[in-house]
N, C-alpha and C. Protein backbone atom coordinates (compact mmCIF):
# COMPACT_ATOMS: atom_id res chain seq x y z
N MET A 1 1.03 -0.97 -0.16
CA MET A 1 0.22 0.48 -0.14
C MET A 1 1.06 1.20 -0.21
N ALA A 2 0.86 2.16 -0.71
CA ALA A 2 1.41 3.66 -0.96
C ALA A 2 1.03 4.35 0.08
N ASN A 3 1.95 5.04 0.70
CA ASN A 3 1.91 6.41 1.54
C ASN A 3 1.43 7.26 0.70
N THR A 4 -0.26 7.85 1.20
CA THR A 4 -0.39 8.72 0.47
C THR A 4 -0.55 9.83 1.82
N PRO A 5 -0.14 10.95 1.40
CA PRO A 5 0.14 12.06 2.16
C PRO A 5 -0.98 12.73 2.93
N GLN A 6 -1.24 12.78 4.21
CA GLN A 6 -2.34 13.15 4.73
C GLN A 6 -2.35 15.03 4.49
N ALA A 7 -3.35 15.14 4.26
CA ALA A 7 -3.83 17.17 4.24
C ALA A 7 -3.89 17.57 5.28
N ARG A 8 -2.75 18.27 5.47
CA ARG A 8 -2.53 19.15 7.11
C ARG A 8 -3.29 20.03 7.41
N MET A 9 -4.04 20.19 8.37
CA MET A 9 -5.04 21.14 8.62
C MET A 9 -4.26 22.48 9.09
N PRO A 10 -4.65 23.37 8.22
CA PRO A 10 -4.05 24.92 8.77
C PRO A 10 -4.03 25.09 10.58
N ILE A 11 -3.49 26.18 11.25
CA ILE A 11 -3.74 26.38 12.55
C ILE A 11 -4.15 27.62 12.56
N LYS A 12 -4.80 27.95 13.04
CA LYS A 12 -5.85 29.06 12.77
C LYS A 12 -5.65 30.05 14.75
N ASN A 13 -5.76 31.08 15.06
CA ASN A 13 -5.56 31.57 15.88
C ASN A 13 -6.15 33.27 15.91
N VAL A 14 -6.68 33.69 16.51
CA VAL A 14 -7.37 34.95 17.03
C VAL A 14 -6.60 35.41 18.08
N GLU A 15 -6.28 36.81 17.93
CA GLU A 15 -6.30 37.54 19.10
C GLU A 15 -6.22 39.01 19.02
N THR A 16 -6.45 39.67 20.28
CA THR A 16 -6.96 41.13 20.23
C THR A 16 -5.75 41.61 21.02
N ILE A 17 -5.19 42.79 19.72
CA ILE A 17 -3.83 43.29 19.87
C ILE A 17 -4.04 44.67 20.51
N THR A 18 -2.89 45.06 20.77
CA THR A 18 -1.96 46.49 21.17
C THR A 18 -1.39 47.29 20.55
N SER A 19 -0.34 46.11 19.80
CA SER A 19 0.84 47.24 19.49
C SER A 19 0.86 45.86 18.03
N ILE A 20 1.79 46.27 16.90
CA ILE A 20 1.43 45.58 16.06
C ILE A 20 3.47 45.49 15.54
N ALA A 21 3.64 44.29 15.22
CA ALA A 21 5.11 44.34 14.59
C ALA A 21 4.98 44.66 13.33
N ASN A 22 6.13 45.01 12.66
CA ASN A 22 6.24 45.52 11.55
C ASN A 22 5.77 44.49 10.45
N GLY A 23 6.05 42.69 10.63
CA GLY A 23 6.10 42.25 9.48
C GLY A 23 4.68 42.04 9.53
N ASP A 24 3.90 42.10 10.79
CA ASP A 24 2.32 41.74 10.71
C ASP A 24 1.78 43.23 10.37
N LEU A 25 2.37 44.25 10.46
CA LEU A 25 1.83 45.26 9.36
C LEU A 25 1.38 45.00 8.14
N HIS A 26 2.69 44.54 7.10
CA HIS A 26 2.61 44.30 6.40
C HIS A 26 1.89 43.16 5.92
N GLU A 27 1.75 41.95 6.34
CA GLU A 27 0.63 40.77 6.30
C GLU A 27 -0.78 41.42 6.51
N LEU A 28 -1.06 42.16 7.23
CA LEU A 28 -1.95 42.75 7.08
C LEU A 28 -2.84 43.92 6.26
N CYS A 29 -1.32 44.23 5.82
CA CYS A 29 -1.95 45.50 4.50
C CYS A 29 -1.97 44.65 3.50
N ASP A 30 -1.37 43.38 3.48
CA ASP A 30 -1.40 42.50 2.07
C ASP A 30 -2.98 41.76 2.52
N ALA A 31 -3.21 41.36 3.33
CA ALA A 31 -4.66 40.78 2.97
C ALA A 31 -5.85 41.93 3.35
N THR A 32 -5.52 43.21 3.86
CA THR A 32 -6.66 44.35 3.42
C THR A 32 -6.70 44.58 1.68
N GLU A 33 -5.85 44.91 1.11
CA GLU A 33 -5.45 45.12 0.18
C GLU A 33 -5.91 43.68 -1.08
N ALA A 34 -6.03 42.36 -0.69
CA ALA A 34 -6.33 41.15 -1.24
C ALA A 34 -7.81 41.50 -1.03
N ALA A 35 -8.47 41.47 0.41
CA ALA A 35 -9.98 42.08 0.38
C ALA A 35 -10.60 43.09 -0.30
N ILE A 36 -10.01 44.45 -0.66
CA ILE A 36 -10.44 45.42 -1.16
C ILE A 36 -10.46 44.74 -2.73
N GLU A 37 -9.59 44.18 -3.30
CA GLU A 37 -9.88 43.99 -4.46
C GLU A 37 -10.58 42.54 -5.19
N ASP A 38 -11.15 41.87 -3.91
CA ASP A 38 -12.28 41.19 -3.85
C ASP A 38 -13.62 42.05 -3.62
N GLY A 39 -13.83 43.12 -3.40
CA GLY A 39 -15.05 43.72 -3.23
C GLY A 39 -15.35 43.65 -1.59
N GLY A 40 -14.76 43.61 -0.45
CA GLY A 40 -14.93 43.63 0.40
C GLY A 40 -13.92 44.01 1.68
N GLY A 41 -13.75 45.50 1.11
CA GLY A 41 -12.40 46.37 1.62
C GLY A 41 -13.53 47.01 2.51
N PHE A 42 -14.05 46.78 3.70
CA PHE A 42 -15.04 47.85 4.24
C PHE A 42 -14.42 49.00 3.84
N GLY A 43 -15.56 49.18 3.00
CA GLY A 43 -15.72 50.57 2.61
C GLY A 43 -14.64 51.18 1.60
N TRP A 44 -13.27 50.84 1.28
CA TRP A 44 -12.76 51.00 -0.01
C TRP A 44 -13.05 50.22 -0.96
N LEU A 45 -13.22 51.05 -1.93
CA LEU A 45 -13.33 50.58 -3.44
C LEU A 45 -12.67 49.91 -4.09
N SER A 46 -11.09 50.58 -3.86
CA SER A 46 -9.62 50.38 -4.63
C SER A 46 -9.07 50.30 -3.59
N SER A 47 -7.73 49.87 -3.50
CA SER A 47 -6.94 50.08 -2.92
C SER A 47 -5.93 51.36 -2.76
N PRO A 48 -5.85 52.17 -1.11
CA PRO A 48 -5.90 53.61 -1.54
C PRO A 48 -4.15 53.86 -1.34
N GLY A 49 -3.33 52.50 -1.41
CA GLY A 49 -2.37 52.54 -1.48
C GLY A 49 -1.66 52.30 -0.08
N ARG A 50 -0.36 51.24 -0.66
CA ARG A 50 0.62 50.65 0.98
C ARG A 50 0.73 52.01 2.44
N LYS A 51 1.15 53.07 1.72
CA LYS A 51 1.49 54.02 2.75
C LYS A 51 -0.09 54.34 3.68
N ARG A 52 -1.01 54.81 2.54
CA ARG A 52 -2.07 54.94 3.26
C ARG A 52 -2.79 53.84 4.04
N LEU A 53 -2.38 52.86 3.74
CA LEU A 53 -3.36 51.54 4.40
C LEU A 53 -2.23 51.32 6.09
N GLU A 54 -0.80 51.35 5.83
CA GLU A 54 -0.23 51.63 6.82
C GLU A 54 -0.50 52.68 7.84
N ASP A 55 -0.42 53.64 7.47
CA ASP A 55 -0.96 54.90 8.60
C ASP A 55 -2.32 54.48 8.97
N TYR A 56 -3.00 54.08 8.02
CA TYR A 56 -4.71 53.90 8.91
C TYR A 56 -4.29 52.36 9.89
N TRP A 57 -3.60 51.12 9.57
CA TRP A 57 -3.62 50.62 11.02
C TRP A 57 -2.94 51.01 11.90
N LYS A 58 -1.67 52.00 11.80
CA LYS A 58 -1.03 52.22 12.78
C LYS A 58 -2.12 53.17 13.82
N GLY A 59 -2.63 53.92 13.10
CA GLY A 59 -3.85 55.22 13.62
C GLY A 59 -4.40 54.47 14.45
N VAL A 60 -5.15 53.45 13.87
CA VAL A 60 -6.22 52.33 14.78
C VAL A 60 -5.92 51.93 16.25
N LEU A 61 -4.72 51.75 16.22
CA LEU A 61 -3.78 51.36 17.12
C LEU A 61 -3.49 52.67 18.36
N LEU A 62 -3.49 53.91 18.00
CA LEU A 62 -3.55 54.86 18.55
C LEU A 62 -4.71 55.25 19.41
N ILE A 63 -6.15 55.37 18.84
CA ILE A 63 -7.44 55.07 19.51
C ILE A 63 -8.19 54.54 19.99
N PRO A 64 -7.85 55.04 21.57
CA PRO A 64 -8.23 54.57 22.83
C PRO A 64 -9.63 53.58 22.82
N GLU A 65 -10.54 54.18 21.46
CA GLU A 65 -11.93 53.82 21.38
C GLU A 65 -12.07 52.42 20.58
N ARG A 66 -11.20 52.39 20.07
CA ARG A 66 -10.56 51.39 19.15
C ARG A 66 -10.02 50.20 19.75
N VAL A 67 -10.58 48.66 19.18
CA VAL A 67 -9.48 47.90 19.50
C VAL A 67 -9.35 46.79 18.46
N LEU A 68 -8.37 46.42 18.12
CA LEU A 68 -7.83 46.06 16.71
C LEU A 68 -7.66 44.19 17.26
N ILE A 69 -8.71 43.09 16.59
CA ILE A 69 -8.48 41.95 16.60
C ILE A 69 -8.00 41.25 15.45
N LEU A 70 -6.87 40.56 15.39
CA LEU A 70 -6.32 40.13 13.78
C LEU A 70 -6.57 38.09 13.83
N GLY A 71 -7.03 37.60 12.95
CA GLY A 71 -6.78 36.42 12.52
C GLY A 71 -5.56 35.99 11.94
N ARG A 72 -5.31 34.92 12.52
CA ARG A 72 -3.94 34.17 11.23
C ARG A 72 -4.26 33.40 11.03
N ILE A 73 -3.67 32.71 9.79
CA ILE A 73 -3.47 30.98 9.35
C ILE A 73 -2.10 30.78 9.24
N ASP A 74 -1.68 29.89 9.88
CA ASP A 74 -0.52 29.29 10.02
C ASP A 74 0.79 30.27 10.28
N GLY A 75 0.33 31.16 11.51
CA GLY A 75 0.80 32.65 11.64
C GLY A 75 0.84 33.54 10.87
N VAL A 76 0.13 33.62 9.70
CA VAL A 76 0.23 34.81 8.65
C VAL A 76 -1.16 35.61 9.08
N VAL A 77 -1.47 36.95 9.20
CA VAL A 77 -2.29 37.79 9.29
C VAL A 77 -3.45 37.18 7.88
N ALA A 78 -4.86 37.02 8.33
CA ALA A 78 -5.40 36.98 7.14
C ALA A 78 -7.08 37.63 7.39
N SER A 79 -6.81 37.97 8.74
CA SER A 79 -8.41 38.55 9.01
C SER A 79 -8.36 39.80 10.10
N SER A 80 -8.98 40.43 10.52
CA SER A 80 -9.36 41.39 10.90
C SER A 80 -10.66 42.13 11.21
N CYS A 81 -10.81 42.48 12.31
CA CYS A 81 -12.05 43.74 12.67
C CYS A 81 -11.65 44.09 13.86
N GLN A 82 -13.03 45.07 14.34
CA GLN A 82 -12.33 46.23 15.27
C GLN A 82 -13.66 46.26 16.31
N ILE A 83 -13.97 46.57 16.99
CA ILE A 83 -14.67 46.76 18.22
C ILE A 83 -14.64 48.43 18.81
N VAL A 84 -15.66 49.08 18.18
CA VAL A 84 -15.78 50.56 18.91
C VAL A 84 -16.33 50.83 19.59
N ARG A 85 -15.54 51.42 20.79
CA ARG A 85 -16.33 51.64 22.14
C ARG A 85 -16.92 52.67 21.92
N PRO A 86 -18.14 53.19 22.80
CA PRO A 86 -18.88 54.74 22.33
C PRO A 86 -18.15 55.72 22.91
N PRO A 87 -18.37 56.74 22.25
CA PRO A 87 -17.80 57.97 22.94
C PRO A 87 -17.83 58.01 24.73
N ARG A 88 -16.95 58.88 25.05
CA ARG A 88 -16.98 58.48 26.77
C ARG A 88 -18.57 59.49 27.63
N ASN A 89 -18.71 60.27 26.37
CA ASN A 89 -19.81 61.13 27.10
C ASN A 89 -20.92 60.56 26.62
N ASN A 90 -21.37 59.61 26.06
CA ASN A 90 -22.72 58.83 25.77
C ASN A 90 -22.85 57.58 26.76
N GLU A 91 -23.09 58.12 27.68
CA GLU A 91 -23.87 57.72 28.60
C GLU A 91 -24.83 56.55 28.58
N ALA A 92 -25.90 57.23 28.36
CA ALA A 92 -27.34 56.60 27.56
C ALA A 92 -26.84 54.79 26.80
N GLN A 93 -25.72 55.31 26.32
CA GLN A 93 -25.50 54.30 24.72
C GLN A 93 -23.81 53.33 25.48
N ARG A 94 -23.96 53.29 26.54
CA ARG A 94 -22.38 53.11 27.38
C ARG A 94 -22.55 51.29 27.22
N PHE A 95 -23.72 50.88 26.93
CA PHE A 95 -23.86 49.27 27.06
C PHE A 95 -23.49 48.62 25.70
N MET A 96 -23.17 49.36 24.81
CA MET A 96 -23.25 48.74 23.31
C MET A 96 -21.62 49.42 22.60
N CYS A 97 -21.43 48.33 21.86
CA CYS A 97 -20.40 48.30 20.77
C CYS A 97 -20.59 48.69 19.96
N HIS A 98 -19.67 48.67 19.09
CA HIS A 98 -20.16 48.72 17.36
C HIS A 98 -18.36 47.73 16.64
N LEU A 99 -19.39 46.83 15.92
CA LEU A 99 -18.42 45.90 15.66
C LEU A 99 -18.18 46.19 13.72
N THR A 100 -16.80 46.63 13.57
CA THR A 100 -16.48 47.10 12.36
C THR A 100 -15.41 46.75 11.63
N THR A 101 -15.32 47.19 10.41
CA THR A 101 -13.75 47.07 9.28
C THR A 101 -13.76 45.33 9.25
N PHE A 102 -14.41 44.38 9.54
CA PHE A 102 -14.40 43.05 9.53
C PHE A 102 -13.93 42.47 7.93
N PHE A 103 -12.90 41.68 7.96
CA PHE A 103 -13.04 40.90 6.75
C PHE A 103 -11.95 40.06 6.81
N VAL A 104 -12.04 39.06 5.88
CA VAL A 104 -11.04 37.80 5.78
C VAL A 104 -10.20 38.05 3.93
N ALA A 105 -9.10 38.12 4.11
CA ALA A 105 -8.41 37.71 2.63
C ALA A 105 -9.23 36.51 2.12
N PRO A 106 -9.45 37.17 0.81
CA PRO A 106 -9.92 35.55 -0.04
C PRO A 106 -9.38 34.19 0.14
N TRP A 107 -7.91 34.33 0.58
CA TRP A 107 -7.25 33.13 0.37
C TRP A 107 -7.46 32.48 1.50
N ALA A 108 -7.97 33.31 2.74
CA ALA A 108 -7.98 32.54 4.09
C ALA A 108 -9.46 32.01 4.49
N ARG A 109 -10.30 32.18 3.04
CA ARG A 109 -11.74 32.16 3.37
C ARG A 109 -11.81 30.46 3.33
N GLY A 110 -12.97 29.72 4.31
CA GLY A 110 -12.94 28.62 4.11
C GLY A 110 -12.54 27.89 5.38
N HIS A 111 -11.98 28.59 6.02
CA HIS A 111 -10.91 27.57 6.94
C HIS A 111 -11.45 27.55 8.41
N GLY A 112 -12.68 28.22 8.50
CA GLY A 112 -13.57 28.49 10.21
C GLY A 112 -12.52 30.23 10.82
N LEU A 113 -12.25 30.71 9.72
CA LEU A 113 -11.71 31.75 10.93
C LEU A 113 -12.60 33.08 11.19
N ALA A 114 -13.63 33.23 10.61
CA ALA A 114 -14.67 34.08 10.26
C ALA A 114 -15.37 33.99 12.09
N PRO A 115 -16.03 32.90 12.01
CA PRO A 115 -16.32 32.23 13.64
C PRO A 115 -15.64 32.88 14.16
N MET A 116 -14.74 32.42 14.05
CA MET A 116 -13.57 32.82 15.30
C MET A 116 -13.76 34.02 15.82
N MET A 117 -13.87 34.88 14.81
CA MET A 117 -13.21 36.28 15.03
C MET A 117 -14.52 37.00 15.50
N LEU A 118 -15.51 36.75 15.36
CA LEU A 118 -16.77 36.92 16.00
C LEU A 118 -16.88 36.44 17.23
N ASP A 119 -16.52 35.45 17.66
CA ASP A 119 -16.32 34.77 19.21
C ASP A 119 -15.30 35.77 20.18
N GLU A 120 -14.35 36.10 19.22
CA GLU A 120 -13.25 36.58 19.88
C GLU A 120 -13.94 38.08 20.67
N ALA A 121 -14.38 38.96 19.14
CA ALA A 121 -15.07 40.15 19.10
C ALA A 121 -16.07 40.13 20.56
N GLU A 122 -16.87 38.77 20.28
CA GLU A 122 -17.99 39.07 21.49
C GLU A 122 -17.68 38.91 22.98
N ALA A 123 -16.43 38.27 22.92
CA ALA A 123 -15.84 38.16 24.16
C ALA A 123 -15.13 38.87 24.71
N PHE A 124 -14.55 39.49 23.63
CA PHE A 124 -13.92 40.70 24.16
C PHE A 124 -14.94 41.96 24.88
N SER A 125 -16.20 42.25 23.89
CA SER A 125 -16.94 43.25 24.75
C SER A 125 -17.78 42.59 25.62
N ARG A 126 -18.26 41.49 25.70
CA ARG A 126 -18.46 41.23 27.32
C ARG A 126 -17.81 41.41 28.59
N SER A 127 -16.43 41.30 28.39
CA SER A 127 -15.21 41.54 29.05
C SER A 127 -14.99 42.87 29.69
N GLU A 128 -15.63 43.76 28.38
CA GLU A 128 -15.40 44.96 28.92
C GLU A 128 -16.79 45.36 28.95
N GLY A 129 -17.76 44.35 29.86
CA GLY A 129 -19.28 45.13 30.17
C GLY A 129 -20.38 45.61 29.10
N PHE A 130 -19.81 45.10 27.63
CA PHE A 130 -21.01 45.24 26.91
C PHE A 130 -21.74 44.54 26.65
N ARG A 131 -23.14 44.94 26.86
CA ARG A 131 -24.60 44.15 26.61
C ARG A 131 -24.54 43.71 24.92
N MET A 132 -24.25 44.68 24.07
CA MET A 132 -24.97 44.59 23.11
C MET A 132 -23.85 45.21 22.08
N ILE A 133 -23.63 44.20 20.57
CA ILE A 133 -22.91 44.78 19.65
C ILE A 133 -23.86 45.18 18.58
N ASN A 134 -23.26 46.37 17.60
CA ASN A 134 -24.25 46.69 16.81
C ASN A 134 -23.09 46.94 15.20
N LEU A 135 -23.91 46.06 14.26
CA LEU A 135 -23.06 46.37 13.06
C LEU A 135 -23.53 46.90 12.22
N ASP A 136 -22.93 47.06 10.67
CA ASP A 136 -23.44 47.59 9.46
C ASP A 136 -22.74 46.90 8.67
N VAL A 137 -23.37 46.73 7.20
CA VAL A 137 -23.06 45.90 6.23
C VAL A 137 -23.75 46.06 4.78
N ARG A 138 -22.66 46.26 3.90
CA ARG A 138 -23.32 46.49 2.62
C ARG A 138 -24.19 44.97 2.42
N ALA A 139 -25.06 45.34 1.87
CA ALA A 139 -26.52 44.35 0.98
C ALA A 139 -25.51 43.53 0.25
N THR A 140 -24.42 43.92 -0.73
CA THR A 140 -23.68 43.10 -1.54
C THR A 140 -23.00 41.56 -0.89
N GLN A 141 -22.85 41.88 0.78
CA GLN A 141 -21.57 41.34 1.02
C GLN A 141 -22.26 40.06 1.92
N ASP A 142 -22.59 39.15 0.88
CA ASP A 142 -23.93 38.35 1.07
C ASP A 142 -23.22 36.98 1.89
N SER A 143 -21.71 36.72 1.84
CA SER A 143 -21.17 35.74 3.21
C SER A 143 -21.20 36.35 4.32
N ALA A 144 -20.90 37.48 4.38
CA ALA A 144 -20.92 38.47 5.64
C ALA A 144 -22.12 38.59 6.13
N ILE A 145 -23.51 38.60 5.47
CA ILE A 145 -24.82 39.02 5.93
C ILE A 145 -24.89 36.84 6.60
N ARG A 146 -24.67 36.40 6.05
CA ARG A 146 -25.15 34.85 6.19
C ARG A 146 -24.52 34.71 7.55
N ARG A 147 -23.08 34.97 7.94
CA ARG A 147 -22.17 34.78 8.65
C ARG A 147 -22.82 35.57 10.21
N TYR A 148 -23.17 36.57 9.65
CA TYR A 148 -23.65 37.37 10.98
C TYR A 148 -25.14 37.10 11.67
N GLU A 149 -26.08 36.59 10.56
CA GLU A 149 -26.99 35.72 11.18
C GLU A 149 -27.30 34.74 11.36
N ALA A 150 -26.05 34.06 10.68
CA ALA A 150 -25.84 32.24 11.85
C ALA A 150 -25.77 32.64 12.78
N ALA A 151 -24.76 33.73 13.16
CA ALA A 151 -24.47 33.98 14.73
C ALA A 151 -25.52 34.54 15.44
N GLY A 152 -26.93 35.07 15.18
CA GLY A 152 -27.68 35.48 15.90
C GLY A 152 -27.71 36.87 15.72
N TYR A 153 -26.97 37.37 14.92
CA TYR A 153 -27.08 38.98 14.55
C TYR A 153 -28.49 39.21 14.45
N VAL A 154 -29.63 39.66 14.88
CA VAL A 154 -30.71 40.32 14.42
C VAL A 154 -30.53 41.72 13.38
N LYS A 155 -31.26 41.58 12.06
CA LYS A 155 -31.88 42.60 11.17
C LYS A 155 -32.42 43.43 11.54
N PHE A 156 -32.14 44.56 11.81
CA PHE A 156 -33.18 46.10 11.71
C PHE A 156 -33.61 47.12 11.30
N GLY A 157 -32.58 47.28 10.19
CA GLY A 157 -32.92 47.89 9.41
C GLY A 157 -32.37 48.06 8.25
N THR A 158 -32.68 48.88 7.12
CA THR A 158 -31.95 49.15 6.01
C THR A 158 -31.82 50.56 5.16
N ASN A 159 -30.81 50.84 4.51
CA ASN A 159 -30.50 52.27 4.27
C ASN A 159 -30.42 51.90 3.02
N PRO A 160 -31.27 52.05 1.98
CA PRO A 160 -31.44 52.17 0.88
C PRO A 160 -30.09 52.79 -0.26
N LYS A 161 -29.39 53.89 0.61
CA LYS A 161 -28.42 54.46 0.14
C LYS A 161 -27.31 54.54 0.72
N TYR A 162 -26.82 53.42 1.24
CA TYR A 162 -26.12 53.30 1.99
C TYR A 162 -24.25 53.46 1.60
N ALA A 163 -24.73 53.01 0.76
CA ALA A 163 -23.22 53.14 -0.45
C ALA A 163 -23.17 53.84 -1.66
N LEU A 164 -22.50 54.42 -2.30
CA LEU A 164 -22.44 54.63 -3.69
C LEU A 164 -21.07 54.08 -4.30
N VAL A 165 -21.29 52.96 -4.98
CA VAL A 165 -20.21 52.14 -6.23
C VAL A 165 -20.33 52.68 -7.45
N GLY A 166 -19.64 53.37 -8.00
CA GLY A 166 -19.81 53.99 -9.37
C GLY A 166 -20.56 55.02 -9.46
N ASP A 167 -22.24 54.36 -9.79
CA ASP A 167 -22.74 55.75 -9.86
C ASP A 167 -24.22 54.80 -9.37
N GLU A 168 -24.16 53.77 -8.65
CA GLU A 168 -25.35 53.24 -8.18
C GLU A 168 -25.16 53.11 -6.49
N PHE A 169 -26.36 53.21 -6.40
CA PHE A 169 -26.27 52.93 -4.32
C PHE A 169 -26.97 51.85 -4.34
N ILE A 170 -26.18 51.22 -3.28
CA ILE A 170 -25.93 50.25 -2.49
C ILE A 170 -26.76 50.25 -1.58
N PRO A 171 -27.99 49.53 -0.78
CA PRO A 171 -28.59 49.09 0.49
C PRO A 171 -27.29 49.05 1.05
N GLY A 172 -27.73 49.43 2.40
CA GLY A 172 -26.82 48.52 4.00
C GLY A 172 -27.81 48.10 4.86
N TYR A 173 -27.56 46.94 5.52
CA TYR A 173 -28.44 46.39 6.68
C TYR A 173 -27.33 47.12 7.95
N TYR A 174 -28.59 46.84 8.74
CA TYR A 174 -28.01 47.10 10.68
C TYR A 174 -28.36 46.07 11.30
N TYR A 175 -27.89 45.48 11.87
CA TYR A 175 -27.79 44.21 12.90
C TYR A 175 -27.44 44.74 14.43
N TYR A 176 -27.90 43.94 15.11
CA TYR A 176 -26.93 43.92 16.42
C TYR A 176 -27.91 42.74 17.40
N LYS A 177 -26.64 42.76 18.44
CA LYS A 177 -26.85 41.05 18.92
C LYS A 177 -26.67 41.72 20.78
N GLU A 178 -27.56 40.80 21.08
CA GLU A 178 -27.46 41.17 22.75
C GLU A 178 -26.39 39.94 23.19
N ILE A 179 -25.79 40.32 24.04
CA ILE A 179 -23.89 39.18 23.92
C ILE A 179 -23.85 39.17 25.73
N SER A 180 -25.22 39.73 26.37
CA SER A 180 -24.78 39.68 28.11
C SER A 180 -25.74 38.25 28.72
């Protein structure tokens, strides 16, 4: 009987970070560019250029209200999302946060990283005392919408002019999930 190689399962991990190493920054920019080119660049329709991406990600870590979560496959940054805390002066909404800029690079999809990212975002939010997470998504992001709904996020609204792509308005959907 011939030896057949066993398919190796990729190693996946997710972490909330407070600083980013230079190599991780480059991988994050690579993953971001790939997601943008694939149509899932959390607002960007085309890559803004490497310097602007690097500045963006470095800036995220400087904003106290933003928390960056990275997902990796075999040690390579493949995904990110952010939790945005409400402004300190908004006492009425201090119970909720916002999940934003969530993407998985096209080459990393199908390995179960997205649910791990959501689990980490929800666990972090709970640990910070939040009781609810809000998010919004373009109506064209079918796989993201399926993922959110499968994870228990409830659609509560639609903005028919959420985004402008070329000359066409794209609707956007608004979701929430109670996590307490």
